[in-house]
Structures are given as structure tokens and as C-alpha cells.
Amino acid sequence: MSATAEVAHNVFVYGSLLADEVVRVLLKRVPVICPAVLNGYHRFSIKGRVYPAIMPMENKKVVGRVLVGVTALELPILDAFEDVEYVRDSVEVQREDNLEKLQAYAYVWEDKNDPDVYGDWDYEEWKRQHMSDFIKMTTGFIEDFEQPESKTRMETYESYYHQGDDK
């Protein structure tokens, strides 16, 4: 095994990647998962999108999960999936099961002044209303990602979610 394949990362997830089904499509496996909290951030809805954004915000917290043991070969897949709208930042999260603090990567919304972020994002509502279609979109993204001339996740998202707008 190469040295790059042996490097493991923790990744804090808080939106569509809370769904094992989405993670499995992207990584072809579901890593070890532990429930965790990211303090000092808020999870927002985004106008016109079915996925959320997190941004720093005092006295707020985001409940999510940590994907433990994401490999150096898998991290670029998550980077491409999160696309240019997010920045991968190193954050400190607290495990909910034993209160241990962990360093993890989190994908933070890049535009801190984005007028399209608002309110709260609800995972249970997303599961009911959007998960099935999102898994189909994610499957299309990963199939395209594996091609030499792949589209960005935003291009895949836009073509999938707006294909019915012409009707």
C-alpha cells in the first residue's frame, strides 16, 4: 500500500453526507462514523438549493457526524463533490458519545456575505423531500467524475435539478 493511501482524515459532515447512501455512492463504502458537534457554527438553508451551508456564528452549534478514516485517495472525491462553493477548513469538533475533541475537516460555505443563505436546514425534511433525487444526482456526479473530462458537481447539480425547468 502506498504512503498516500495510508493517510487517514476525519471529515465532519452536516448535510447530504449525513446519509450513508450518499457517502456510499461517493466513496464506495461508508467509513466509521461518530456523532459530533461543531461549536461556533450555524447550518443554513440556501435559496434555490437542497443542500445546506455552514458558516461561523457565535453561540451556535451544528450537530453532525465525523467520517473517520477518510483516505488521501477519497478526500479529493469529497473536495470535488463540495466544489468551489465550499472551503475545506480544519475545525475542532466534539464527539457526542464520549465528549472527546477531534480535529476534522469541514466544508464551510466560502461566501460569508451570501444573501441566499437563510434560516435553518432540516435533515429530516431533506430526507423526505430530496434524498432520493439527490442520490440519483450524486450517482451521475460520481459516474462523470470517473471520466477523463468530468463536469463539476455544480454543473451536474444544475443539469439534474433544472432539467425540468424547460417544461
C-alpha atoms as a PDB file:
ATOM      1  CA  MET A   1       0.000   0.000   0.000  1.00  0.00           C
ATOM      2  CA  SER A   2       1.358   3.431  -0.860  1.00  0.00           C
ATOM      3  CA  ALA A   3       2.035   6.067   1.759  1.00  0.00           C
ATOM      4  CA  THR A   4      -0.722   8.327   0.387  1.00  0.00           C
ATOM      5  CA  ALA A   5      -3.333   5.585   0.725  1.00  0.00           C
ATOM      6  CA  GLU A   6      -2.384   5.082   4.392  1.00  0.00           C
ATOM      7  CA  VAL A   7      -3.058   8.687   5.468  1.00  0.00           C
ATOM      8  CA  ALA A   8      -6.442   8.902   7.167  1.00  0.00           C
ATOM      9  CA  HIS A   9      -8.547  12.008   7.745  1.00  0.00           C
ATOM     10  CA  ASN A  10     -11.571  12.901   9.844  1.00  0.00           C
ATOM     11  CA  VAL A  11     -14.299  14.777   7.970  1.00  0.00           C
ATOM     12  CA  PHE A  12     -17.190  16.457   9.775  1.00  0.00           C
ATOM     13  CA  VAL A  13     -20.407  16.190   7.738  1.00  0.00           C
ATOM     14  CA  TYR A  14     -23.656  18.022   8.402  1.00  0.00           C
ATOM     15  CA  GLY A  15     -25.864  17.910   5.294  1.00  0.00           C
ATOM     16  CA  SER A  16     -26.436  15.424   2.494  1.00  0.00           C
ATOM     17  CA  LEU A  17     -23.365  13.450   3.641  1.00  0.00           C
ATOM     18  CA  LEU A  18     -25.237  12.558   6.827  1.00  0.00           C
ATOM     19  CA  ALA A  19     -26.969   9.979   4.623  1.00  0.00           C
ATOM     20  CA  ASP A  20     -24.965   6.748   4.435  1.00  0.00           C
ATOM     21  CA  GLU A  21     -26.451   6.178   0.980  1.00  0.00           C
ATOM     22  CA  VAL A  22     -24.858   9.371  -0.398  1.00  0.00           C
ATOM     23  CA  VAL A  23     -21.483   8.579   1.226  1.00  0.00           C
ATOM     24  CA  ARG A  24     -21.593   5.043  -0.209  1.00  0.00           C
ATOM     25  CA  VAL A  25     -22.198   6.351  -3.742  1.00  0.00           C
ATOM     26  CA  LEU A  26     -19.233   8.728  -3.463  1.00  0.00           C
ATOM     27  CA  LEU A  27     -16.676   6.593  -1.608  1.00  0.00           C
ATOM     28  CA  LYS A  28     -17.922   3.091  -2.495  1.00  0.00           C
ATOM     29  CA  ARG A  29     -18.015   2.448   1.271  1.00  0.00           C
ATOM     30  CA  VAL A  30     -19.229   4.031   4.499  1.00  0.00           C
ATOM     31  CA  PRO A  31     -16.319   4.862   6.839  1.00  0.00           C
ATOM     32  CA  VAL A  32     -16.550   4.520  10.605  1.00  0.00           C
ATOM     33  CA  ILE A  33     -18.910   7.240  11.833  1.00  0.00           C
ATOM     34  CA  CYS A  34     -19.238   9.002  15.163  1.00  0.00           C
ATOM     35  CA  PRO A  35     -21.820  11.632  16.119  1.00  0.00           C
ATOM     36  CA  ALA A  36     -20.263  15.035  16.780  1.00  0.00           C
ATOM     37  CA  VAL A  37     -20.960  18.719  17.383  1.00  0.00           C
ATOM     38  CA  LEU A  38     -19.225  21.684  15.770  1.00  0.00           C
ATOM     39  CA  ASN A  39     -19.452  24.673  18.118  1.00  0.00           C
ATOM     40  CA  GLY A  40     -19.384  28.253  16.855  1.00  0.00           C
ATOM     41  CA  TYR A  41     -21.061  27.492  13.501  1.00  0.00           C
ATOM     42  CA  HIS A  42     -24.603  27.551  12.111  1.00  0.00           C
ATOM     43  CA  ARG A  43     -26.184  25.371   9.413  1.00  0.00           C
ATOM     44  CA  PHE A  44     -28.156  27.446   6.916  1.00  0.00           C
ATOM     45  CA  SER A  45     -30.537  26.702   4.087  1.00  0.00           C
ATOM     46  CA  ILE A  46     -29.520  28.110   0.706  1.00  0.00           C
ATOM     47  CA  LYS A  47     -32.081  29.698  -1.608  1.00  0.00           C
ATOM     48  CA  GLY A  48     -32.562  27.501  -4.689  1.00  0.00           C
ATOM     49  CA  ARG A  49     -30.517  24.595  -3.303  1.00  0.00           C
ATOM     50  CA  VAL A  50     -31.472  21.402  -1.490  1.00  0.00           C
ATOM     51  CA  TYR A  51     -28.205  21.150   0.486  1.00  0.00           C
ATOM     52  CA  PRO A  52     -27.010  23.346   3.382  1.00  0.00           C
ATOM     53  CA  ALA A  53     -24.088  25.627   4.172  1.00  0.00           C
ATOM     54  CA  ILE A  54     -22.281  26.160   7.441  1.00  0.00           C
ATOM     55  CA  MET A  55     -20.610  29.378   8.484  1.00  0.00           C
ATOM     56  CA  PRO A  56     -19.074  30.615  11.714  1.00  0.00           C
ATOM     57  CA  MET A  57     -21.608  32.126  14.096  1.00  0.00           C
ATOM     58  CA  GLU A  58     -21.175  32.847  17.783  1.00  0.00           C
ATOM     59  CA  ASN A  59     -23.230  30.868  20.296  1.00  0.00           C
ATOM     60  CA  LYS A  60     -24.448  28.388  17.675  1.00  0.00           C
ATOM     61  CA  LYS A  61     -23.625  24.752  17.026  1.00  0.00           C
ATOM     62  CA  VAL A  62     -24.054  22.243  14.242  1.00  0.00           C
ATOM     63  CA  VAL A  63     -24.904  18.637  15.064  1.00  0.00           C
ATOM     64  CA  GLY A  64     -23.453  16.205  12.559  1.00  0.00           C
ATOM     65  CA  ARG A  65     -21.157  13.237  12.217  1.00  0.00           C
ATOM     66  CA  VAL A  66     -17.476  12.606  11.663  1.00  0.00           C
ATOM     67  CA  LEU A  67     -16.422  10.248   8.902  1.00  0.00           C
ATOM     68  CA  VAL A  68     -13.356   8.621  10.477  1.00  0.00           C
ATOM     69  CA  GLY A  69     -10.551   7.257   8.336  1.00  0.00           C
ATOM     70  CA  VAL A  70     -11.235   9.002   5.031  1.00  0.00           C
ATOM     71  CA  THR A  71      -8.201   8.169   2.910  1.00  0.00           C
ATOM     72  CA  ALA A  72      -5.975  10.543   0.969  1.00  0.00           C
ATOM     73  CA  LEU A  73      -7.442   8.987  -2.191  1.00  0.00           C
ATOM     74  CA  GLU A  74     -11.036   9.642  -1.048  1.00  0.00           C
ATOM     75  CA  LEU A  75     -10.530  13.240   0.112  1.00  0.00           C
ATOM     76  CA  PRO A  76     -10.265  14.631  -3.469  1.00  0.00           C
ATOM     77  CA  ILE A  77     -13.625  12.996  -4.268  1.00  0.00           C
ATOM     78  CA  LEU A  78     -15.230  14.884  -1.375  1.00  0.00           C
ATOM     79  CA  ASP A  79     -13.413  18.081  -2.426  1.00  0.00           C
ATOM     80  CA  ALA A  80     -14.800  17.770  -5.971  1.00  0.00           C
ATOM     81  CA  PHE A  81     -18.283  16.965  -4.648  1.00  0.00           C
ATOM     82  CA  GLU A  82     -18.294  20.035  -2.412  1.00  0.00           C
ATOM     83  CA  ASP A  83     -16.993  22.065  -5.382  1.00  0.00           C
ATOM     84  CA  VAL A  84     -15.888  25.708  -5.309  1.00  0.00           C
ATOM     85  CA  GLU A  85     -18.734  26.942  -3.126  1.00  0.00           C
ATOM     86  CA  TYR A  86     -17.072  25.452  -0.049  1.00  0.00           C
ATOM     87  CA  VAL A  87     -13.644  25.714   1.532  1.00  0.00           C
ATOM     88  CA  ARG A  88     -12.244  22.700   3.362  1.00  0.00           C
ATOM     89  CA  ASP A  89     -11.238  24.046   6.787  1.00  0.00           C
ATOM     90  CA  SER A  90      -9.694  22.279   9.737  1.00  0.00           C
ATOM     91  CA  VAL A  91     -12.038  22.514  12.733  1.00  0.00           C
ATOM     92  CA  GLU A  92     -12.299  21.092  16.220  1.00  0.00           C
ATOM     93  CA  VAL A  93     -15.395  19.008  16.866  1.00  0.00           C
ATOM     94  CA  GLN A  94     -16.611  17.264  19.977  1.00  0.00           C
ATOM     95  CA  ARG A  95     -17.760  13.667  19.820  1.00  0.00           C
ATOM     96  CA  GLU A  96     -21.212  13.201  21.295  1.00  0.00           C
ATOM     97  CA  ASP A  97     -20.547   9.662  22.532  1.00  0.00           C
ATOM     98  CA  ASN A  98     -17.518  10.339  24.742  1.00  0.00           C
ATOM     99  CA  LEU A  99     -17.024  14.152  24.548  1.00  0.00           C
ATOM    100  CA  GLU A 100     -13.527  13.697  23.081  1.00  0.00           C
ATOM    101  CA  LYS A 101     -12.336  16.601  20.951  1.00  0.00           C
ATOM    102  CA  LEU A 102     -11.179  15.762  17.436  1.00  0.00           C
ATOM    103  CA  GLN A 103      -9.558  17.663  14.617  1.00  0.00           C
ATOM    104  CA  ALA A 104     -11.548  17.216  11.435  1.00  0.00           C
ATOM    105  CA  TYR A 105     -12.048  18.808   8.078  1.00  0.00           C
ATOM    106  CA  ALA A 106     -15.352  20.564   7.447  1.00  0.00           C
ATOM    107  CA  TYR A 107     -16.647  22.087   4.228  1.00  0.00           C
ATOM    108  CA  VAL A 108     -17.510  25.705   5.087  1.00  0.00           C
ATOM    109  CA  TRP A 109     -19.502  27.981   2.774  1.00  0.00           C
ATOM    110  CA  GLU A 110     -16.998  30.318   1.159  1.00  0.00           C
ATOM    111  CA  ASP A 111     -19.166  33.433   0.640  1.00  0.00           C
ATOM    112  CA  LYS A 112     -19.708  34.745   4.178  1.00  0.00           C
ATOM    113  CA  ASN A 113     -21.928  37.556   2.831  1.00  0.00           C
ATOM    114  CA  ASP A 114     -24.070  35.398   0.552  1.00  0.00           C
ATOM    115  CA  PRO A 115     -27.611  36.847   0.513  1.00  0.00           C
ATOM    116  CA  ASP A 116     -29.004  33.402  -0.411  1.00  0.00           C
ATOM    117  CA  VAL A 117     -28.229  31.742   2.941  1.00  0.00           C
ATOM    118  CA  TYR A 118     -31.002  31.920   5.493  1.00  0.00           C
ATOM    119  CA  GLY A 119     -32.667  30.257   8.474  1.00  0.00           C
ATOM    120  CA  ASP A 120     -32.010  26.647   9.361  1.00  0.00           C
ATOM    121  CA  TRP A 121     -31.622  23.490   7.269  1.00  0.00           C
ATOM    122  CA  ASP A 122     -33.541  20.381   8.334  1.00  0.00           C
ATOM    123  CA  TYR A 123     -32.024  16.964   7.596  1.00  0.00           C
ATOM    124  CA  GLU A 124     -35.248  15.035   8.230  1.00  0.00           C
ATOM    125  CA  GLU A 125     -37.130  17.279   5.791  1.00  0.00           C
ATOM    126  CA  TRP A 126     -34.324  16.809   3.226  1.00  0.00           C
ATOM    127  CA  LYS A 127     -34.557  13.031   3.621  1.00  0.00           C
ATOM    128  CA  ARG A 128     -38.306  13.063   2.986  1.00  0.00           C
ATOM    129  CA  GLN A 129     -38.336  15.550   0.120  1.00  0.00           C
ATOM    130  CA  HIS A 130     -34.965  15.374  -1.627  1.00  0.00           C
ATOM    131  CA  MET A 131     -32.802  12.367  -0.722  1.00  0.00           C
ATOM    132  CA  SER A 132     -33.978  10.040  -3.463  1.00  0.00           C
ATOM    133  CA  ASP A 133     -33.330  12.573  -6.235  1.00  0.00           C
ATOM    134  CA  PHE A 134     -30.080  13.681  -4.575  1.00  0.00           C
ATOM    135  CA  ILE A 135     -28.770  10.103  -4.617  1.00  0.00           C
ATOM    136  CA  LYS A 136     -29.566   9.923  -8.349  1.00  0.00           C
ATOM    137  CA  MET A 137     -27.751  13.230  -8.922  1.00  0.00           C
ATOM    138  CA  THR A 138     -24.789  12.007  -6.835  1.00  0.00           C
ATOM    139  CA  THR A 139     -24.645   8.778  -8.835  1.00  0.00           C
ATOM    140  CA  GLY A 140     -24.481  10.857 -12.031  1.00  0.00           C
ATOM    141  CA  PHE A 141     -21.772  13.039 -10.492  1.00  0.00           C
ATOM    142  CA  ILE A 142     -19.555  10.096  -9.493  1.00  0.00           C
ATOM    143  CA  GLU A 143     -20.018   8.349 -12.851  1.00  0.00           C
ATOM    144  CA  ASP A 144     -18.980  11.570 -14.595  1.00  0.00           C
ATOM    145  CA  PHE A 145     -16.176  12.245 -12.076  1.00  0.00           C
ATOM    146  CA  GLU A 146     -14.552   8.962 -13.011  1.00  0.00           C
ATOM    147  CA  GLN A 147     -14.339  10.067 -16.670  1.00  0.00           C
ATOM    148  CA  PRO A 148     -11.323  11.960 -18.060  1.00  0.00           C
ATOM    149  CA  GLU A 149     -13.388  15.092 -18.861  1.00  0.00           C
ATOM    150  CA  SER A 150     -15.696  15.327 -15.880  1.00  0.00           C
ATOM    151  CA  LYS A 151     -18.217  18.044 -15.008  1.00  0.00           C
ATOM    152  CA  THR A 152     -18.088  19.870 -11.695  1.00  0.00           C
ATOM    153  CA  ARG A 153     -20.615  18.923  -9.041  1.00  0.00           C
ATOM    154  CA  MET A 154     -22.374  22.264  -9.587  1.00  0.00           C
ATOM    155  CA  GLU A 155     -22.713  21.539 -13.320  1.00  0.00           C
ATOM    156  CA  THR A 156     -24.135  18.102 -12.508  1.00  0.00           C
ATOM    157  CA  TYR A 157     -26.448  19.604  -9.859  1.00  0.00           C
ATOM    158  CA  GLU A 158     -27.671  22.359 -12.181  1.00  0.00           C
ATOM    159  CA  SER A 159     -28.312  19.987 -15.086  1.00  0.00           C
ATOM    160  CA  TYR A 160     -30.084  17.477 -12.843  1.00  0.00           C
ATOM    161  CA  TYR A 161     -32.220  19.855 -10.792  1.00  0.00           C
ATOM    162  CA  HIS A 162     -33.027  22.314 -13.567  1.00  0.00           C
ATOM    163  CA  GLN A 163     -33.659  19.903 -16.420  1.00  0.00           C
ATOM    164  CA  GLY A 164     -37.390  20.090 -15.775  1.00  0.00           C
ATOM    165  CA  ASP A 165     -37.451  23.906 -15.816  1.00  0.00           C
ATOM    166  CA  ASP A 166     -37.934  23.932 -19.612  1.00  0.00           C
ATOM    167  CA  LYS A 167     -41.223  22.048 -19.390  1.00  0.00           C
END
